[in-house]
Amino acid sequence: MKHIREFDGLRGVLALWVFATHVLELGPFPRAANFVHANLAVDIFIILSGFVIFHLLSTGEDYRSFITRRWFRLFPVFAVCFLIATALYAGLRVDDEIAFAIEHKSHLLPYLATHATMLHGAVPNEILPESARAVLPPAWSISVEWQFYLIAPLLFALMMKPTRKLVLFFLALLAARALCEIGQHTGRLTFDMQAFIPLKLEYFAIGAGTFGLWQWLAQRNSPLRLPRLLWALLVPVLALVARRNLAIALWLGTMLSLAYVHFGAAPTWARWFSRPLNCAPVQFLGRISYCVYLLHLPALVFVRQILRWNGVALSDAALQGILLVVGLATTICGAWLLHVTVEQPMILFGKRLTKRWKVDAQSPANLPMAPA
């Protein structure tokens, strides 16, 4: 299956979506952030991850290589951004729920330990309050991603060739989901941002399911054509889905548009959707989107603090404008630097390492000897 360039642009748009929410929350008009809804962007990120990871697993990569490459993809950038946020948290000594999620008097050692494993989202609030968002709030979704990576090969194997053990594993996940739902209603077992993988399974499932549909479309010889009468059903169905979960509805609408571009006659409305995602600036943002997503909040906190230290008298509108422009410039410059110095080298190192394992496994010295 060929690379879907629109996904790269979509990542850039989603990262800017989250940035827009936080630049409002940290500025003089925090209530305006209620109309932006960063949680929708993160939910779409998670669905997209389900699609991409099932595509990677369809290539037949073994578990050790898969999880190693995923670790080098996530952890180095995450660690750098968390350390930057920790330095700001320790140095500024301010209580700001948006910036750091926890009060300054909190002890950091437990949070450092859980974040070092990237499993901080799986720790209940009853054990460690606000573990998922502590110090670097956007990193709650990174924990969800890592939890998914750990079990994704098992879920993919279940989809391809169910076995008794895999079915039991899936039933255990559903049982954990039920216990978490009960715990949330009773207040005895709660997870900050619902960052425990059983509570986010449906989003990954939507992504995995649309990957299966996309793969089927890619194998067809005839172009995609939907009867006009079918639109009379699709439109109200999407509207009903949007009432229950807007992120899923937006994803389904996106995939319908891209399916027409890649497999159909590409009508004008579909091209209008595809072209902006393929333009050079959005593609650039897509390449650095992971760094933008994790670095933007520390960058905004730093810029806001600089403005406070200078004590310049500004109107609320001017303050918001400066925070937006300078914060965006700082975020993009810092994200690009992080991308070229940490993210890219670590991704390439992970690829070289797993490729070396494959070569070593195929070397004559490691092949089983034929019987005499």
Protein backbone atom coordinates (compact mmCIF):
# COMPACT_ATOMS: atom_id res chain seq x y z
CA MET A 1 0.00 0.00 0.00
CA LYS A 2 1.46 3.33 -1.08
CA HIS A 3 2.23 6.12 1.37
CA ILE A 4 -0.70 8.44 2.09
CA ARG A 5 0.80 11.94 2.02
CA GLU A 6 -2.39 13.52 3.30
CA PHE A 7 -1.82 11.80 6.65
CA ASP A 8 1.43 13.75 7.06
CA GLY A 9 -0.39 17.01 6.46
CA LEU A 10 -3.22 15.93 8.75
CA ARG A 11 -0.73 15.44 11.60
CA GLY A 12 0.50 18.99 11.11
CA VAL A 13 -3.04 20.38 11.17
CA LEU A 14 -3.89 18.41 14.32
CA ALA A 15 -0.72 19.62 16.08
CA LEU A 16 -1.63 23.24 15.27
CA TRP A 17 -5.16 22.54 16.53
CA VAL A 18 -3.79 21.53 19.94
CA PHE A 19 -1.42 24.53 19.91
CA ALA A 20 -4.37 26.88 19.26
CA THR A 21 -6.19 25.54 22.31
CA HIS A 22 -3.26 26.03 24.65
CA VAL A 23 -2.31 29.47 23.34
CA LEU A 24 -5.83 30.57 24.27
CA GLU A 25 -5.83 28.81 27.64
CA LEU A 26 -2.53 30.45 28.64
CA GLY A 27 -3.57 33.89 27.40
CA PRO A 28 -6.03 36.51 28.61
CA PHE A 29 -9.01 34.79 26.91
CA PRO A 30 -8.97 31.26 28.35
CA ARG A 31 -12.72 30.77 27.89
CA ALA A 32 -12.27 31.01 24.12
CA ALA A 33 -10.45 27.67 24.25
CA ASN A 34 -13.77 25.98 25.00
CA PHE A 35 -14.71 26.51 21.34
CA VAL A 36 -11.52 24.91 19.97
CA HIS A 37 -11.68 21.49 21.69
CA ALA A 38 -8.14 20.13 21.57
CA ASN A 39 -9.45 16.76 22.78
CA LEU A 40 -10.99 16.22 19.34
CA ALA A 41 -7.61 16.64 17.67
CA VAL A 42 -5.97 14.19 20.08
CA ASP A 43 -8.74 11.63 19.54
CA ILE A 44 -8.19 11.87 15.77
CA PHE A 45 -4.45 11.43 16.39
CA ILE A 46 -5.25 8.20 18.23
CA ILE A 47 -7.52 6.92 15.46
CA LEU A 48 -4.83 7.73 12.89
CA SER A 49 -2.34 5.77 14.99
CA GLY A 50 -4.59 2.71 14.84
CA PHE A 51 -4.60 2.93 11.04
CA VAL A 52 -0.84 3.45 10.69
CA ILE A 53 0.22 0.81 13.22
CA PHE A 54 -1.96 -1.88 11.65
CA HIS A 55 -0.45 -0.95 8.29
CA LEU A 56 3.06 -1.40 9.72
CA LEU A 57 2.13 -4.73 11.28
CA SER A 58 0.71 -5.94 7.97
CA THR A 59 4.27 -5.95 6.59
CA GLY A 60 5.12 -8.89 8.85
CA GLU A 61 7.61 -7.21 11.20
CA ASP A 62 8.42 -9.28 14.29
CA TYR A 63 7.49 -8.06 17.77
CA ARG A 64 11.02 -7.19 18.96
CA SER A 65 11.80 -5.10 15.88
CA PHE A 66 8.41 -3.41 15.94
CA ILE A 67 8.50 -2.39 19.60
CA THR A 68 12.16 -1.31 19.39
CA ARG A 69 11.53 0.99 16.44
CA ARG A 70 8.42 2.38 18.12
CA TRP A 71 10.40 3.09 21.30
CA PHE A 72 13.04 5.04 19.38
CA ARG A 73 10.20 6.86 17.62
CA LEU A 74 8.53 7.97 20.84
CA PHE A 75 10.85 8.08 23.82
CA PRO A 76 13.84 10.32 22.87
CA VAL A 77 11.69 13.35 21.91
CA PHE A 78 9.34 12.67 24.81
CA ALA A 79 12.27 12.55 27.27
CA VAL A 80 13.78 15.82 26.02
CA CYS A 81 10.45 17.67 26.17
CA PHE A 82 9.65 16.26 29.60
CA LEU A 83 13.04 17.41 30.93
CA ILE A 84 12.47 20.90 29.47
CA ALA A 85 9.03 21.04 31.12
CA THR A 86 10.53 19.77 34.40
CA ALA A 87 13.14 22.55 34.34
CA LEU A 88 10.39 25.14 33.83
CA TYR A 89 8.26 23.55 36.54
CA ALA A 90 11.11 23.58 39.05
CA GLY A 91 12.37 27.02 38.09
CA LEU A 92 9.16 29.02 37.80
CA ARG A 93 7.58 27.77 41.04
CA VAL A 94 4.07 28.59 39.91
CA ASP A 95 0.84 26.63 40.31
CA ASP A 96 -0.68 26.47 36.86
CA GLU A 97 -2.98 23.57 36.02
CA ILE A 98 -2.86 24.26 32.28
CA ALA A 99 0.93 24.47 32.15
CA PHE A 100 1.91 21.66 34.52
CA ALA A 101 -1.32 19.97 35.77
CA ILE A 102 0.04 19.53 39.32
CA GLU A 103 0.78 21.96 42.13
CA HIS A 104 4.37 23.01 42.66
CA LYS A 105 4.51 21.43 46.13
CA SER A 106 4.04 17.96 44.62
CA HIS A 107 6.98 15.56 44.89
CA LEU A 108 8.41 14.86 41.46
CA LEU A 109 10.16 11.51 41.99
CA PRO A 110 7.05 9.30 41.52
CA TYR A 111 6.14 11.24 38.38
CA LEU A 112 9.66 10.93 37.01
CA ALA A 113 9.59 7.18 37.62
CA THR A 114 6.23 6.61 35.89
CA HIS A 115 7.08 8.87 32.95
CA ALA A 116 10.38 7.04 32.43
CA THR A 117 8.34 3.96 31.50
CA MET A 118 5.85 5.93 29.36
CA LEU A 119 3.15 4.09 31.31
CA HIS A 120 2.20 7.12 33.41
CA GLY A 121 -1.30 7.18 31.93
CA ALA A 122 -2.01 3.68 33.26
CA VAL A 123 -1.52 4.75 36.89
CA PRO A 124 -4.85 5.38 38.69
CA ASN A 125 -5.45 8.76 40.32
CA GLU A 126 -5.94 6.91 43.60
CA ILE A 127 -2.26 5.88 43.48
CA LEU A 128 -0.69 8.97 41.87
CA PRO A 129 -2.99 11.95 41.21
CA GLU A 130 -2.88 13.49 37.72
CA SER A 131 -0.12 11.10 36.67
CA ALA A 132 -1.09 11.24 32.99
CA ARG A 133 -0.74 15.03 32.60
CA ALA A 134 1.82 15.87 35.28
CA VAL A 135 4.54 18.38 34.28
CA LEU A 136 3.99 17.88 30.52
CA PRO A 137 0.19 17.68 30.02
CA PRO A 138 0.15 16.72 26.30
CA ALA A 139 2.20 13.62 27.12
CA TRP A 140 -0.88 11.80 28.42
CA SER A 141 -1.61 10.67 24.88
CA ILE A 142 1.97 9.45 24.44
CA SER A 143 1.36 7.01 27.25
CA VAL A 144 -1.81 5.81 25.51
CA GLU A 145 0.18 5.37 22.29
CA TRP A 146 2.90 3.36 24.02
CA GLN A 147 0.37 1.13 25.75
CA PHE A 148 -1.23 0.49 22.37
CA TYR A 149 2.13 -0.32 20.77
CA LEU A 150 2.79 -2.92 23.45
CA ILE A 151 -0.40 -4.84 22.66
CA ALA A 152 -1.01 -3.93 18.99
CA PRO A 153 0.83 -6.99 17.58
CA LEU A 154 -1.41 -9.23 19.68
CA LEU A 155 -4.54 -7.44 18.47
CA PHE A 156 -3.33 -7.68 14.87
CA ALA A 157 -2.64 -11.40 15.30
CA LEU A 158 -6.14 -11.80 16.75
CA MET A 159 -7.60 -10.15 13.65
CA MET A 160 -5.52 -12.28 11.26
CA LYS A 161 -5.63 -15.68 12.99
CA PRO A 162 -7.60 -15.93 16.24
CA THR A 163 -6.34 -18.41 18.81
CA ARG A 164 -7.68 -19.36 22.20
CA LYS A 165 -4.98 -17.37 24.02
CA LEU A 166 -5.53 -14.29 21.89
CA VAL A 167 -9.28 -14.43 22.41
CA LEU A 168 -8.75 -14.75 26.16
CA PHE A 169 -6.40 -11.76 26.03
CA PHE A 170 -9.02 -9.68 24.22
CA LEU A 171 -11.71 -10.72 26.71
CA ALA A 172 -9.36 -9.66 29.52
CA LEU A 173 -9.07 -6.22 27.88
CA LEU A 174 -12.85 -5.95 27.71
CA ALA A 175 -13.12 -7.02 31.36
CA ALA A 176 -10.57 -4.36 32.32
CA ARG A 177 -12.63 -1.81 30.37
CA ALA A 178 -15.76 -2.82 32.29
CA LEU A 179 -13.96 -2.55 35.65
CA CYS A 180 -12.63 0.90 34.72
CA GLU A 181 -16.11 2.08 33.71
CA ILE A 182 -17.51 0.86 37.04
CA GLY A 183 -14.58 2.44 38.88
CA GLN A 184 -15.16 5.80 37.23
CA HIS A 185 -18.82 5.81 38.21
CA THR A 186 -18.04 4.88 41.81
CA GLY A 187 -14.97 7.13 42.03
CA ARG A 188 -12.80 4.26 43.28
CA LEU A 189 -10.77 3.64 40.13
CA THR A 190 -10.20 6.70 37.95
CA PHE A 191 -7.60 7.53 35.34
CA ASP A 192 -6.55 11.06 34.46
CA MET A 193 -7.69 11.86 30.88
CA GLN A 194 -8.85 8.23 30.61
CA ALA A 195 -5.28 7.50 29.54
CA PHE A 196 -5.48 3.76 30.27
CA ILE A 197 -5.58 1.75 27.03
CA PRO A 198 -8.82 -0.21 27.71
CA LEU A 199 -10.64 3.14 27.90
CA LYS A 200 -9.43 4.16 24.42
CA LEU A 201 -9.81 0.88 22.55
CA GLU A 202 -12.67 2.07 20.34
CA TYR A 203 -10.52 4.83 18.81
CA PHE A 204 -7.73 2.45 17.85
CA ALA A 205 -10.37 -0.01 16.60
CA ILE A 206 -11.84 2.64 14.28
CA GLY A 207 -8.37 3.29 12.86
CA ALA A 208 -7.63 -0.41 12.44
CA GLY A 209 -11.01 -1.01 10.81
CA THR A 210 -10.57 1.80 8.30
CA PHE A 211 -7.12 0.40 7.46
CA GLY A 212 -8.77 -2.92 6.59
CA LEU A 213 -11.28 -1.11 4.39
CA TRP A 214 -8.53 0.99 2.76
CA GLN A 215 -6.51 -2.16 2.03
CA TRP A 216 -9.57 -3.72 0.39
CA LEU A 217 -10.07 -0.63 -1.76
CA ALA A 218 -6.41 -0.70 -2.79
CA GLN A 219 -6.82 -4.23 -4.13
CA ARG A 220 -9.81 -3.36 -6.31
CA ASN A 221 -9.34 -2.96 -10.04
CA SER A 222 -12.39 -0.77 -10.65
CA PRO A 223 -12.57 2.88 -9.47
CA LEU A 224 -14.66 3.73 -6.43
CA ARG A 225 -18.16 4.92 -7.29
CA LEU A 226 -20.89 5.35 -4.70
CA PRO A 227 -24.48 5.49 -5.97
CA ARG A 228 -26.11 8.85 -5.34
CA LEU A 229 -28.83 7.17 -3.37
CA LEU A 230 -26.19 5.88 -0.93
CA TRP A 231 -25.35 9.47 0.01
CA ALA A 232 -28.88 9.78 1.36
CA LEU A 233 -27.82 7.18 3.91
CA LEU A 234 -24.20 8.25 4.52
CA VAL A 235 -24.92 11.88 5.35
CA PRO A 236 -27.46 11.22 8.14
CA VAL A 237 -25.31 8.37 9.48
CA LEU A 238 -22.33 10.72 9.78
CA ALA A 239 -24.59 13.31 11.41
CA LEU A 240 -25.77 10.74 13.97
CA VAL A 241 -22.18 9.64 14.67
CA ALA A 242 -21.18 13.29 15.10
CA ARG A 243 -23.82 13.72 17.80
CA ARG A 244 -22.26 10.90 19.80
CA ASN A 245 -18.58 11.35 18.92
CA LEU A 246 -17.45 14.21 16.71
CA ALA A 247 -13.85 12.95 16.41
CA ILE A 248 -14.98 9.64 14.89
CA ALA A 249 -17.34 11.45 12.51
CA LEU A 250 -14.55 13.79 11.37
CA TRP A 251 -12.26 10.82 10.79
CA LEU A 252 -14.87 8.94 8.75
CA GLY A 253 -15.54 12.04 6.67
CA THR A 254 -11.80 12.46 6.11
CA MET A 255 -11.37 8.85 5.00
CA LEU A 256 -14.34 9.10 2.65
CA SER A 257 -12.78 12.15 1.00
CA LEU A 258 -9.35 10.51 0.71
CA ALA A 259 -10.88 7.30 -0.66
CA TYR A 260 -12.41 9.32 -3.50
CA VAL A 261 -9.06 11.01 -4.17
CA HIS A 262 -7.01 7.79 -4.22
CA PHE A 263 -9.49 5.27 -5.60
CA GLY A 264 -12.26 7.21 -7.28
CA ALA A 265 -12.84 9.99 -9.78
CA ALA A 266 -11.62 12.63 -7.28
CA PRO A 267 -14.54 15.09 -7.44
CA THR A 268 -13.89 18.75 -6.81
CA TRP A 269 -14.94 18.65 -3.14
CA ALA A 270 -12.49 15.81 -2.45
CA ARG A 271 -9.62 17.64 -4.19
CA TRP A 272 -10.35 20.74 -2.10
CA PHE A 273 -9.80 18.61 0.96
CA SER A 274 -6.66 16.87 -0.31
CA ARG A 275 -4.71 19.78 -1.80
CA PRO A 276 -4.25 21.84 1.40
CA LEU A 277 -2.93 18.73 3.17
CA ASN A 278 -0.40 18.21 0.38
CA CYS A 279 0.93 21.77 0.21
CA ALA A 280 4.56 22.29 1.26
CA PRO A 281 4.01 24.27 4.52
CA VAL A 282 1.49 21.76 5.86
CA GLN A 283 3.72 18.85 4.86
CA PHE A 284 6.60 20.50 6.72
CA LEU A 285 4.42 20.84 9.81
CA GLY A 286 3.51 17.19 9.42
CA ARG A 287 7.17 16.14 9.49
CA ILE A 288 7.76 17.98 12.76
CA SER A 289 4.26 17.43 14.18
CA TYR A 290 5.34 15.09 16.99
CA CYS A 291 7.89 17.64 18.20
CA VAL A 292 5.35 20.47 17.84
CA TYR A 293 2.80 18.51 19.85
CA LEU A 294 5.13 17.85 22.79
CA LEU A 295 7.17 21.06 22.75
CA HIS A 296 4.50 23.68 22.18
CA LEU A 297 3.26 23.93 25.78
CA PRO A 298 6.73 24.42 27.36
CA ALA A 299 7.46 26.95 24.59
CA LEU A 300 4.26 28.87 25.34
CA VAL A 301 4.92 28.82 29.09
CA PHE A 302 8.44 30.17 28.47
CA VAL A 303 7.20 32.98 26.19
CA ARG A 304 4.45 33.92 28.63
CA GLN A 305 6.97 34.08 31.47
CA ILE A 306 9.29 36.31 29.45
CA LEU A 307 6.38 38.69 28.88
CA ARG A 308 5.58 38.68 32.60
CA TRP A 309 9.19 39.35 33.61
CA ASN A 310 9.38 42.36 31.28
CA GLY A 311 6.16 43.75 32.73
CA VAL A 312 5.25 45.64 29.56
CA ALA A 313 1.78 47.22 29.72
CA LEU A 314 -0.23 45.63 26.92
CA SER A 315 -3.90 45.33 26.14
CA ASP A 316 -5.41 41.86 26.35
CA ALA A 317 -5.70 41.67 22.57
CA ALA A 318 -2.04 42.68 22.07
CA LEU A 319 -0.90 40.22 24.74
CA GLN A 320 -2.83 37.41 23.08
CA GLY A 321 -1.44 38.35 19.67
CA ILE A 322 2.16 38.39 20.88
CA LEU A 323 1.72 35.08 22.69
CA LEU A 324 0.29 33.58 19.49
CA VAL A 325 2.94 34.88 17.08
CA VAL A 326 6.03 34.54 19.29
CA GLY A 327 4.78 31.29 20.78
CA LEU A 328 4.18 29.77 17.34
CA ALA A 329 7.58 30.92 16.05
CA THR A 330 9.32 29.56 19.14
CA THR A 331 7.44 26.28 18.89
CA ILE A 332 8.16 25.72 15.19
CA CYS A 333 11.84 26.67 15.46
CA GLY A 334 12.32 24.52 18.55
CA ALA A 335 10.38 21.62 17.02
CA TRP A 336 12.45 21.73 13.82
CA LEU A 337 15.68 21.76 15.85
CA LEU A 338 14.44 18.86 17.96
CA HIS A 339 13.37 17.02 14.81
CA VAL A 340 16.78 17.22 13.11
CA THR A 341 18.91 16.67 16.22
CA VAL A 342 16.91 14.06 18.13
CA GLU A 343 13.86 12.67 16.34
CA GLN A 344 15.34 11.86 12.93
CA PRO A 345 18.66 10.44 14.22
CA MET A 346 16.90 8.23 16.76
CA ILE A 347 14.40 6.93 14.19
CA LEU A 348 17.25 6.09 11.83
CA PHE A 349 19.21 4.44 14.63
CA GLY A 350 16.20 2.27 15.49
CA LYS A 351 15.86 1.23 11.84
CA ARG A 352 19.56 0.39 11.54
CA LEU A 353 19.50 -1.58 14.79
CA THR A 354 16.52 -3.74 13.80
CA LYS A 355 17.91 -4.21 10.28
CA ARG A 356 21.17 -5.44 11.82
CA TRP A 357 19.22 -7.94 13.90
CA LYS A 358 17.55 -9.24 10.76
CA VAL A 359 20.88 -9.57 8.93
CA ASP A 360 22.47 -11.33 11.90
CA ALA A 361 19.54 -13.75 12.15
CA GLN A 362 19.95 -14.65 8.46
CA SER A 363 23.74 -15.08 8.59
CA PRO A 364 25.01 -18.64 7.99
CA ALA A 365 26.39 -18.90 11.52
CA ASN A 366 22.87 -18.43 12.98
CA LEU A 367 21.01 -20.72 10.58
CA PRO A 368 20.09 -24.20 11.86
CA MET A 369 22.36 -26.96 10.56
CA ALA A 370 20.82 -29.44 8.14
CA PRO A 371 20.69 -33.03 9.38
CA ALA A 372 23.50 -35.24 8.17
